[in-house]
N, C-alpha and C. Protein backbone atom coordinates (compact mmCIF):
# COMPACT_ATOMS: atom_id res chain seq x y z
N GLU A 1 142.82 104.03 92.40
CA GLU A 1 143.22 104.97 91.70
C GLU A 1 142.66 106.17 93.00
N PRO A 2 143.46 107.01 93.05
CA PRO A 2 143.01 108.23 94.14
C PRO A 2 141.95 109.07 93.45
N PRO A 3 141.58 109.43 94.72
CA PRO A 3 140.40 110.76 94.58
C PRO A 3 140.99 111.57 94.11
N LEU A 4 139.93 112.26 93.41
CA LEU A 4 140.03 113.10 92.40
C LEU A 4 140.62 114.48 93.37
N HIS A 5 140.38 114.86 94.66
CA HIS A 5 140.55 116.13 95.19
C HIS A 5 142.53 115.30 95.34
N GLU A 6 143.06 114.78 95.63
CA GLU A 6 144.06 114.29 95.80
C GLU A 6 144.86 114.25 94.47
N LYS A 7 144.48 114.34 93.44
CA LYS A 7 145.78 114.42 92.03
C LYS A 7 145.27 115.93 91.79
N VAL A 8 143.90 116.66 92.32
CA VAL A 8 144.33 118.43 92.00
C VAL A 8 145.34 118.30 92.86
N ALA A 9 145.55 118.34 93.60
CA ALA A 9 146.25 118.81 94.92
C ALA A 9 147.67 118.29 95.06
N CYS A 10 148.33 116.95 94.30
CA CYS A 10 149.12 116.71 93.38
C CYS A 10 149.76 117.52 92.52
N VAL A 11 148.76 118.09 91.36
CA VAL A 11 149.00 119.06 90.06
C VAL A 11 149.33 120.09 90.77
N GLU A 12 148.63 120.44 91.49
CA GLU A 12 148.49 121.92 92.28
C GLU A 12 150.55 122.27 93.04
N ILE A 13 150.57 121.03 93.23
CA ILE A 13 152.30 120.80 94.22
C ILE A 13 153.49 121.29 93.77
N ILE A 14 152.98 119.81 92.51
CA ILE A 14 154.43 120.01 91.26
C ILE A 14 154.04 121.65 90.75
N LEU A 15 152.69 121.64 89.72
CA LEU A 15 152.88 123.38 89.60
C LEU A 15 153.36 124.57 89.83
N VAL A 16 153.49 124.54 90.96
CA VAL A 16 154.22 125.40 92.49
C VAL A 16 155.65 124.65 92.95
N GLY A 17 156.28 123.87 92.51
CA GLY A 17 157.96 124.00 92.62
C GLY A 17 158.33 123.73 91.04
N VAL A 18 157.52 123.56 89.95
CA VAL A 18 158.14 123.96 89.01
C VAL A 18 158.33 125.72 88.21
N VAL A 19 157.60 126.16 88.89
CA VAL A 19 156.89 127.67 89.16
C VAL A 19 158.85 128.38 89.53
N ALA A 20 158.89 127.57 91.33
CA ALA A 20 159.62 127.91 92.16
C ALA A 20 161.02 127.66 91.47
N GLY A 21 161.69 126.52 91.37
CA GLY A 21 162.43 126.00 90.46
C GLY A 21 163.02 126.70 89.39
N SER A 22 162.21 127.40 88.82
CA SER A 22 161.84 127.61 87.54
C SER A 22 162.67 129.61 87.71
N ALA A 23 161.81 130.17 88.72
CA ALA A 23 161.96 131.66 89.31
C ALA A 23 163.55 131.05 89.68
N ALA A 24 163.92 130.52 90.26
CA ALA A 24 165.12 130.00 91.31
C ALA A 24 166.34 129.97 90.15
N THR A 25 166.30 129.57 89.84
CA THR A 25 167.11 129.21 88.31
C THR A 25 167.21 130.26 87.38
N TYR A 26 166.12 131.23 87.02
CA TYR A 26 166.53 132.13 86.23
C TYR A 26 167.44 133.48 87.15
N SER A 27 166.52 133.50 88.26
CA SER A 27 167.76 134.56 89.55
C SER A 27 168.95 134.02 89.40
N ALA A 28 169.88 132.73 89.89
CA ALA A 28 170.88 132.47 89.64
C ALA A 28 171.00 132.63 88.73
N LEU A 29 171.09 132.76 87.66
CA LEU A 29 171.94 132.68 85.80
C LEU A 29 171.74 134.29 85.93
N ASN A 30 170.61 134.98 86.19
CA ASN A 30 170.61 136.30 86.24
C ASN A 30 172.22 136.76 87.07
N SER A 31 172.01 136.75 88.07
CA SER A 31 172.64 137.31 88.78
C SER A 31 174.40 136.69 88.68
N LEU A 32 174.79 135.39 88.07
CA LEU A 32 175.68 134.82 87.54
C LEU A 32 176.28 135.56 87.00
N PHE A 33 175.80 135.55 85.37
CA PHE A 33 175.84 136.05 84.33
C PHE A 33 175.75 137.58 83.56
N PHE A 34 174.78 138.13 84.97
CA PHE A 34 174.74 139.61 84.62
C PHE A 34 174.62 140.98 86.02
N ASP A 35 175.60 140.37 86.93
CA ASP A 35 176.28 141.05 87.98
C ASP A 35 176.65 141.62 87.74
N THR A 36 176.54 142.91 87.74
CA THR A 36 178.44 143.87 87.17
C THR A 36 179.81 143.89 88.74
N ASP A 37 177.91 144.45 89.99
CA ASP A 37 178.63 145.06 90.55
C ASP A 37 178.81 143.13 92.14
N MET A 38 179.67 142.58 91.00
CA MET A 38 179.94 141.41 92.18
C MET A 38 181.50 141.53 92.60
N ALA A 39 181.51 140.68 94.26
CA ALA A 39 182.66 141.46 94.78
C ALA A 39 183.28 140.41 95.22
N TRP A 40 184.34 140.24 95.37
CA TRP A 40 185.08 139.18 95.85
C TRP A 40 185.28 138.10 97.18
N PRO A 41 184.89 137.60 97.22
CA PRO A 41 184.91 136.67 98.54
C PRO A 41 185.72 137.03 99.38
N CYS A 42 185.34 136.90 100.99
CA CYS A 42 186.11 137.43 102.26
C CYS A 42 187.69 137.04 102.33
N TYR A 43 187.92 135.70 101.47
CA TYR A 43 188.90 134.89 102.18
C TYR A 43 189.78 135.28 100.22
N LEU A 44 189.51 135.38 100.05
CA LEU A 44 190.58 136.27 98.83
C LEU A 44 190.96 137.47 99.03
């Protein structure tokens, strides 16, 4: 059984990861579907 402070640290790390991942996913999807100023790639 790990000590309480290790459990708290693990839960905090997981929560920060979930929040950051959700924000990154939202930002990526938002720019994919709702960005009207999309430029063509330089190789096209």
